[in-house]
Protein backbone atom coordinates (compact mmCIF):
# COMPACT_ATOMS: atom_id res chain seq x y z
CA MET A 1 -85.02 98.27 53.19
CA ALA A 2 -84.38 94.54 53.95
CA GLN A 3 -83.63 92.60 57.22
CA MET A 4 -79.94 91.57 56.92
CA THR A 5 -77.34 89.93 58.98
CA MET A 6 -74.03 91.43 59.20
CA ILE A 7 -72.54 89.00 56.59
CA GLN A 8 -75.49 89.62 54.30
CA ALA A 9 -74.86 93.29 54.46
CA ILE A 10 -71.14 92.88 53.77
CA THR A 11 -72.02 90.72 50.69
CA ASP A 12 -74.54 93.24 49.60
CA GLY A 13 -71.91 96.06 49.98
CA LEU A 14 -69.48 94.12 47.93
CA ARG A 15 -72.14 93.54 45.28
CA CYS A 16 -72.85 97.35 45.13
CA GLU A 17 -69.33 98.23 44.44
CA LEU A 18 -68.73 95.46 42.00
CA LYS A 19 -71.69 96.66 40.00
CA ASP A 20 -70.84 100.46 40.33
CA ASP A 21 -67.03 100.27 39.70
CA GLU A 22 -65.56 97.85 37.10
CA ASN A 23 -62.11 98.40 38.69
CA VAL A 24 -63.29 96.70 41.91
CA LEU A 25 -61.93 93.11 42.15
CA VAL A 26 -62.68 90.58 45.01
CA PHE A 27 -60.17 87.74 45.46
CA GLY A 28 -58.82 85.41 48.07
CA GLU A 29 -58.85 81.84 49.32
CA ASP A 30 -62.05 80.06 48.31
CA VAL A 31 -64.00 83.33 47.75
CA GLY A 32 -65.05 82.34 44.28
CA VAL A 33 -66.80 79.04 43.71
CA ASN A 34 -67.52 78.52 47.49
CA GLY A 35 -68.31 82.05 48.34
CA GLY A 36 -65.70 82.13 51.20
CA VAL A 37 -65.38 80.09 54.16
CA PHE A 38 -68.28 82.00 55.75
CA ARG A 39 -70.17 82.66 52.47
CA ALA A 40 -69.36 86.48 52.60
CA THR A 41 -68.81 86.48 48.85
CA GLU A 42 -71.51 83.99 47.94
CA GLY A 43 -72.88 84.27 44.61
CA LEU A 44 -70.68 87.20 43.50
CA GLN A 45 -68.39 85.13 41.06
CA LYS A 46 -71.56 83.83 39.31
CA GLU A 47 -72.92 87.37 39.02
CA PHE A 48 -69.67 89.24 37.99
CA GLY A 49 -67.49 86.44 36.40
CA VAL A 50 -64.24 84.83 37.30
CA ASP A 51 -62.19 87.78 36.00
CA ARG A 52 -63.62 90.00 38.96
CA VAL A 53 -64.24 87.52 41.72
CA PHE A 54 -61.78 84.77 41.84
CA ASP A 55 -59.88 82.28 44.01
CA THR A 56 -56.18 82.48 44.76
CA PRO A 57 -53.58 80.01 46.07
CA LEU A 58 -53.49 79.29 49.87
CA ALA A 59 -50.77 81.87 50.28
CA GLU A 60 -51.36 85.13 52.01
CA SER A 61 -48.07 86.73 50.78
CA GLY A 62 -49.16 86.06 47.24
CA ILE A 63 -52.55 87.64 47.97
CA GLY A 64 -50.77 90.73 49.27
CA GLY A 65 -48.43 91.12 46.32
CA LEU A 66 -51.23 90.70 43.93
CA ALA A 67 -53.18 93.47 45.67
CA ILE A 68 -50.21 95.80 45.38
CA GLY A 69 -49.73 95.16 41.68
CA LEU A 70 -53.52 95.60 40.85
CA ALA A 71 -53.68 98.76 42.77
CA LEU A 72 -50.67 100.30 40.92
CA GLN A 73 -52.56 99.52 37.70
CA GLY A 74 -55.61 101.49 38.67
CA PHE A 75 -57.69 98.75 40.18
CA ARG A 76 -59.60 98.75 43.54
CA PRO A 77 -58.58 95.43 45.03
CA VAL A 78 -60.60 93.84 47.85
CA PRO A 79 -58.56 90.83 48.97
CA GLU A 80 -59.74 88.57 51.82
CA ILE A 81 -57.42 86.98 54.41
CA GLN A 82 -59.36 84.00 55.27
CA PHE A 83 -58.76 84.43 59.16
CA PHE A 84 -56.89 87.54 60.53
CA GLY A 85 -54.57 85.48 62.54
CA PHE A 86 -52.94 84.46 59.36
CA VAL A 87 -51.94 88.14 58.66
CA TYR A 88 -48.44 87.79 59.70
CA GLU A 89 -47.83 85.98 56.27
CA VAL A 90 -48.62 89.21 54.48
CA MET A 91 -47.13 91.87 56.82
CA ASP A 92 -44.53 93.00 54.40
CA SER A 93 -47.12 93.81 51.71
CA ILE A 94 -49.31 95.66 54.18
CA SER A 95 -46.88 97.45 56.45
CA GLY A 96 -43.87 97.62 54.18
CA GLN A 97 -45.62 98.35 50.95
CA LEU A 98 -49.26 99.39 50.86
CA ALA A 99 -49.06 101.67 53.94
CA ARG A 100 -46.03 103.46 52.51
CA LEU A 101 -46.98 103.80 48.85
CA LYS A 102 -48.42 107.41 48.96
CA TYR A 103 -45.66 108.69 51.04
CA ARG A 104 -42.89 106.96 49.17
CA THR A 105 -44.14 108.43 45.93
CA GLY A 106 -44.94 111.89 47.21
CA GLY A 107 -48.66 111.44 46.63
CA ALA A 108 -48.30 110.34 42.96
CA LEU A 109 -49.53 106.85 43.75
CA ASN A 110 -52.28 105.70 45.86
CA ALA A 111 -53.16 102.27 47.38
CA PRO A 112 -56.89 101.79 47.23
CA VAL A 113 -56.95 98.41 48.79
CA THR A 114 -59.36 97.03 51.28
CA ILE A 115 -58.21 93.93 53.15
CA ARG A 116 -61.11 92.13 54.59
CA SER A 117 -60.71 89.49 57.30
CA PRO A 118 -62.75 87.85 60.02
CA PHE A 119 -61.62 87.79 63.63
CA GLY A 120 -62.81 87.60 67.14
CA GLY A 121 -63.87 85.14 69.70
CA GLY A 122 -66.80 83.52 71.20
CA VAL A 123 -67.19 80.87 68.38
CA HIS A 124 -64.71 78.14 69.57
CA THR A 125 -62.41 78.47 66.56
CA PRO A 126 -58.95 76.60 66.42
CA GLU A 127 -55.72 78.44 67.33
CA MET A 128 -54.86 81.58 65.39
CA HIS A 129 -58.37 82.06 64.07
CA SER A 130 -59.80 84.51 66.64
CA ASP A 131 -56.89 86.62 67.61
CA SER A 132 -57.65 90.37 68.07
CA LEU A 133 -54.69 91.96 66.07
CA GLU A 134 -56.44 95.33 65.25
CA GLY A 135 -53.85 97.17 67.50
CA LEU A 136 -51.03 95.81 65.35
CA MET A 137 -52.65 97.44 62.24
CA ALA A 138 -53.77 100.62 64.05
CA SER A 139 -50.06 101.33 65.10
CA GLN A 140 -48.87 101.31 61.50
CA PRO A 141 -49.04 104.82 59.83
CA GLY A 142 -50.54 104.83 56.49
CA LEU A 143 -53.40 102.30 57.29
CA LYS A 144 -57.04 102.95 58.20
CA VAL A 145 -58.61 100.28 60.42
CA VAL A 146 -62.36 99.61 60.42
CA VAL A 147 -64.41 97.39 62.78
CA PRO A 148 -68.19 97.39 62.33
CA SER A 149 -70.69 96.28 64.97
CA THR A 150 -73.99 96.27 63.10
CA PRO A 151 -75.21 95.08 59.66
CA TYR A 152 -76.08 98.74 58.64
CA ASP A 153 -72.69 100.05 59.52
CA ALA A 154 -71.10 97.02 57.95
CA LYS A 155 -72.54 97.69 54.46
CA GLY A 156 -71.92 101.41 54.70
CA LEU A 157 -68.43 101.07 55.96
CA ILE A 158 -67.33 98.37 53.39
CA ILE A 159 -68.53 100.75 50.63
CA SER A 160 -66.60 103.71 52.00
CA SER A 161 -63.50 101.60 52.54
CA ILE A 162 -63.58 100.49 48.86
CA ARG A 163 -64.01 103.97 47.70
CA ASP A 164 -61.25 105.32 49.79
CA ASN A 165 -57.85 105.92 48.27
CA ASP A 166 -55.87 104.68 51.18
CA PRO A 167 -55.36 101.07 52.40
CA VAL A 168 -58.12 100.07 54.83
CA ILE A 169 -58.01 96.99 57.13
CA PHE A 170 -61.72 95.97 57.34
CA LEU A 171 -62.20 93.53 60.20
CA GLU A 172 -65.39 91.50 60.66
CA HIS A 173 -66.14 90.02 64.01
CA LEU A 174 -67.04 86.43 63.73
CA LYS A 175 -69.54 86.33 66.45
CA LEU A 176 -71.53 89.12 64.88
CA TYR A 177 -71.80 87.66 61.43
CA ARG A 178 -75.10 86.03 62.02
CA SER A 179 -76.10 87.02 65.62
CA PHE A 180 -78.88 89.37 64.64
CA ARG A 181 -80.59 91.22 61.87
CA GLU A 182 -81.55 94.79 61.30
CA GLU A 183 -82.97 97.00 58.64
CA VAL A 184 -80.36 97.70 55.83
CA PRO A 185 -81.07 99.80 52.72
CA GLU A 186 -80.86 97.75 49.53
CA GLU A 187 -79.31 100.61 47.60
CA SER A 188 -75.75 101.76 47.84
CA TYR A 189 -75.00 104.21 50.71
CA THR A 190 -71.81 105.22 52.76
CA VAL A 191 -70.98 105.41 56.59
CA PRO A 192 -68.08 107.73 56.89
CA LEU A 193 -64.66 106.46 57.94
CA GLY A 194 -63.16 108.13 61.03
CA LYS A 195 -66.45 108.77 62.67
CA ALA A 196 -67.72 107.20 65.93
CA ALA A 197 -71.34 106.46 66.65
CA VAL A 198 -73.24 107.22 69.89
CA ARG A 199 -75.13 103.98 70.53
CA ARG A 200 -76.61 105.16 73.82
CA GLU A 201 -76.78 108.52 75.41
CA GLY A 202 -75.77 108.92 79.03
CA ALA A 203 -74.56 111.53 81.70
CA ASP A 204 -72.62 109.52 84.37
CA LEU A 205 -70.14 107.52 82.45
CA SER A 206 -68.86 107.03 78.90
CA ILE A 207 -67.98 103.45 77.59
CA PHE A 208 -65.88 103.36 74.44
CA SER A 209 -65.66 100.17 72.52
CA TYR A 210 -65.85 98.50 69.19
CA GLY A 211 -66.89 95.20 67.45
CA ALA A 212 -68.69 92.60 69.57
CA MET A 213 -67.67 94.40 72.91
CA VAL A 214 -70.12 97.19 71.80
CA HIS A 215 -73.07 94.83 72.38
CA GLU A 216 -71.59 93.69 75.62
CA SER A 217 -71.26 97.32 76.61
CA LEU A 218 -74.89 98.08 75.86
CA LYS A 219 -75.93 95.19 77.89
CA ALA A 220 -73.86 96.41 80.85
CA ALA A 221 -75.29 99.98 80.43
CA GLU A 222 -78.92 98.54 80.54
CA GLU A 223 -78.16 96.73 83.85
CA LEU A 224 -76.41 99.79 85.31
CA GLU A 225 -79.41 101.94 84.49
CA LYS A 226 -81.53 99.62 86.74
CA GLU A 227 -79.32 100.89 89.56
CA GLY A 228 -79.73 104.55 88.55
CA HIS A 229 -76.54 105.10 86.48
CA SER A 230 -76.91 106.64 83.29
CA VAL A 231 -74.23 105.30 80.80
CA GLU A 232 -73.18 106.48 77.24
CA VAL A 233 -72.05 103.96 74.95
CA ILE A 234 -69.77 105.07 71.95
CA ASP A 235 -68.98 102.65 69.13
CA LEU A 236 -65.69 103.82 67.76
CA ARG A 237 -66.15 101.91 64.37
CA THR A 238 -62.99 103.34 62.90
CA LEU A 239 -59.80 102.63 65.15
CA GLN A 240 -57.52 104.58 62.79
CA PRO A 241 -58.11 107.31 62.48
CA LEU A 242 -59.88 107.68 65.87
CA ASP A 243 -62.82 110.10 66.18
CA ILE A 244 -61.07 112.20 68.88
CA GLU A 245 -63.95 114.96 68.74
CA THR A 246 -66.66 112.55 69.63
CA ILE A 247 -64.58 110.80 72.36
CA ILE A 248 -63.70 113.95 74.10
CA ALA A 249 -67.11 115.55 73.81
CA SER A 250 -68.55 112.45 75.60
CA VAL A 251 -65.90 112.53 78.38
CA GLU A 252 -66.51 116.28 78.82
CA LYS A 253 -70.15 115.54 79.42
CA THR A 254 -69.99 112.45 81.70
CA ASN A 255 -66.60 113.17 83.41
CA ARG A 256 -65.92 109.32 83.75
CA ALA A 257 -64.76 106.84 81.21
CA ILE A 258 -63.79 103.16 80.64
CA VAL A 259 -62.53 101.56 77.46
CA VAL A 260 -63.65 98.04 76.52
CA GLN A 261 -61.95 95.75 74.10
CA GLU A 262 -61.73 92.00 73.36
CA ALA A 263 -58.09 92.03 72.77
CA GLN A 264 -55.52 91.70 75.62
CA LYS A 265 -54.59 94.68 77.74
CA GLN A 266 -51.17 95.06 75.93
CA ALA A 267 -52.96 94.77 72.63
CA GLY A 268 -55.90 96.42 70.93
CA ILE A 269 -56.29 100.29 70.91
CA ALA A 270 -57.83 100.86 74.40
CA ALA A 271 -54.37 102.29 75.71
CA ASN A 272 -54.37 104.75 72.84
CA VAL A 273 -57.88 105.93 73.64
CA VAL A 274 -57.06 106.29 77.29
CA THR A 275 -53.94 108.37 76.43
CA GLU A 276 -56.04 110.70 74.07
CA ILE A 277 -58.50 111.24 76.92
CA THR A 278 -55.97 112.12 79.47
CA GLU A 279 -53.84 114.40 77.15
CA ARG A 280 -56.86 116.28 76.04
CA ALA A 281 -59.60 116.23 78.75
CA ILE A 282 -57.79 115.38 82.04
CA LEU A 283 -59.41 118.48 83.78
CA SER A 284 -62.76 117.06 82.95
CA LEU A 285 -62.15 113.73 84.67
CA GLU A 286 -63.54 112.84 88.28
CA ALA A 287 -61.90 109.26 88.12
CA PRO A 288 -59.28 107.43 86.47
CA VAL A 289 -59.96 106.08 83.01
CA LEU A 290 -60.04 102.16 83.26
CA ARG A 291 -59.98 99.48 80.82
CA VAL A 292 -61.78 96.11 80.37
CA THR A 293 -59.83 93.80 78.29
CA ALA A 294 -58.77 90.08 78.04
CA PRO A 295 -55.77 89.10 80.09
CA ASP A 296 -52.23 89.43 78.65
CA THR A 297 -51.87 85.71 77.49
CA ILE A 298 -52.10 83.95 74.29
CA TYR A 299 -55.65 83.52 73.11
CA SER A 300 -57.23 80.58 75.15
CA TYR A 301 -58.07 77.21 73.87
CA PRO A 302 -61.82 76.88 73.16
CA GLN A 303 -62.56 75.06 76.35
CA ALA A 304 -61.52 78.12 78.38
CA GLU A 305 -62.84 80.93 75.90
CA ALA A 306 -65.79 81.87 77.90
CA VAL A 307 -63.69 82.57 80.98
CA TRP A 308 -60.80 84.41 79.07
CA LEU A 309 -63.12 86.79 77.05
CA PRO A 310 -64.38 89.94 78.81
CA ASN A 311 -68.17 90.23 79.14
CA TYR A 312 -70.83 92.55 80.19
CA LYS A 313 -70.49 91.47 83.93
CA ASP A 314 -66.66 92.47 83.75
CA ILE A 315 -67.77 95.88 82.34
CA ILE A 316 -70.23 96.49 85.02
CA VAL A 317 -67.64 95.77 87.82
CA THR A 318 -65.14 98.15 86.25
CA ALA A 319 -67.90 100.68 85.62
CA LYS A 320 -68.77 100.77 89.39
CA LYS A 321 -65.23 101.20 90.33
CA VAL A 322 -65.25 104.44 88.20
CA LEU A 323 -68.58 105.54 89.30
CA ASN A 324 -67.83 105.17 92.90
CA PHE A 325 -64.33 106.59 92.87
C-alpha cells in the first residue's frame, strides 16, 4: 500500500493496464512528453514508448476518430480530452459512433474506449474548463459514465473502465486531483462499475452525491450529527448505469433524501435520481426529495465561483428542510 493523491492513483491505474495488456493505448493533447496538463500520464511514455503513449494534434474530433478506428482494430484506446468543456468538438464520435457501435453491429463489434477528462470547479479555471457536463453523457444510451471521489476508487475504477467492452466516460474532478491522499494498493485491482458506495451510515436522511460534492456532503453530515441528525451519504460513483438497488435500500431505511450535484439544476443527473426514487419508493418517503445544485446559469467567472458553487452549508439548509418537513 502507498499513500496516493487521486491523480497519482489514476496514473498508477493507467500504468497497470499498459503493463498488463499490450492493446491498451494512451493518447491525447500533450499526454506524452509533458505527461498531460495535470501530469496524469507523467512518465508513461518513457516507460512504455511512443507507440503506446503518444501526443495528438490539438483536435478533439481527430482524437475521437482515432479512438474509433483503433477500437475496431482490437485495441483498447484511452484517449484524453484535455478539459471536458471541449467535449462538444468530439460529440459525433462519442454519441454518434462509439455509443451506437454495439447496437449497430448486432453485438458483433464492441467499443472498448475509455475517454478520460478533467472537469469541475473550485480551482479558478478559465471559461469552458470547469463545466459539469456529465448529464449530457449520462443521457446518451450506450455510454457508461464514471466519476470517482477518492484515490482508491479512482485507480480501481479506471482499471475496470479500461477492461470494459463498452465506451466509458471517465471524469476526474480537478479539485480532487491533489486535495488529499489515502492508502492505495500498488498492485492491480478493480472497483466494479455500476456500484455505489456507502460513505457514511445513517438513519434519518440519505444524501446522494458524486465527485467533489461527496466531500461537501460528508462535511454537512458531520455538522448535522452535532444537532442529533443521523445522515447517510451515498457516493454514486457510476452515474450511468445507476446503482438503483443501493439508492432504494437507503431511502427505504431513512425515508428522506436529498441529491447533491455541482452541476446546474437543469443539468447533471440529480433529476434522474429523484425520479427513480419517486417511481420506486414513493410510499417510503416522509418528505419531498430535494436537490442541492448550482443555479441554472452558465458557469460563473472565477471571481464569483465560490458563490456560484454549492457547498456544505447549502446542503445543511436543504437537509433541514427535509428533516423538518
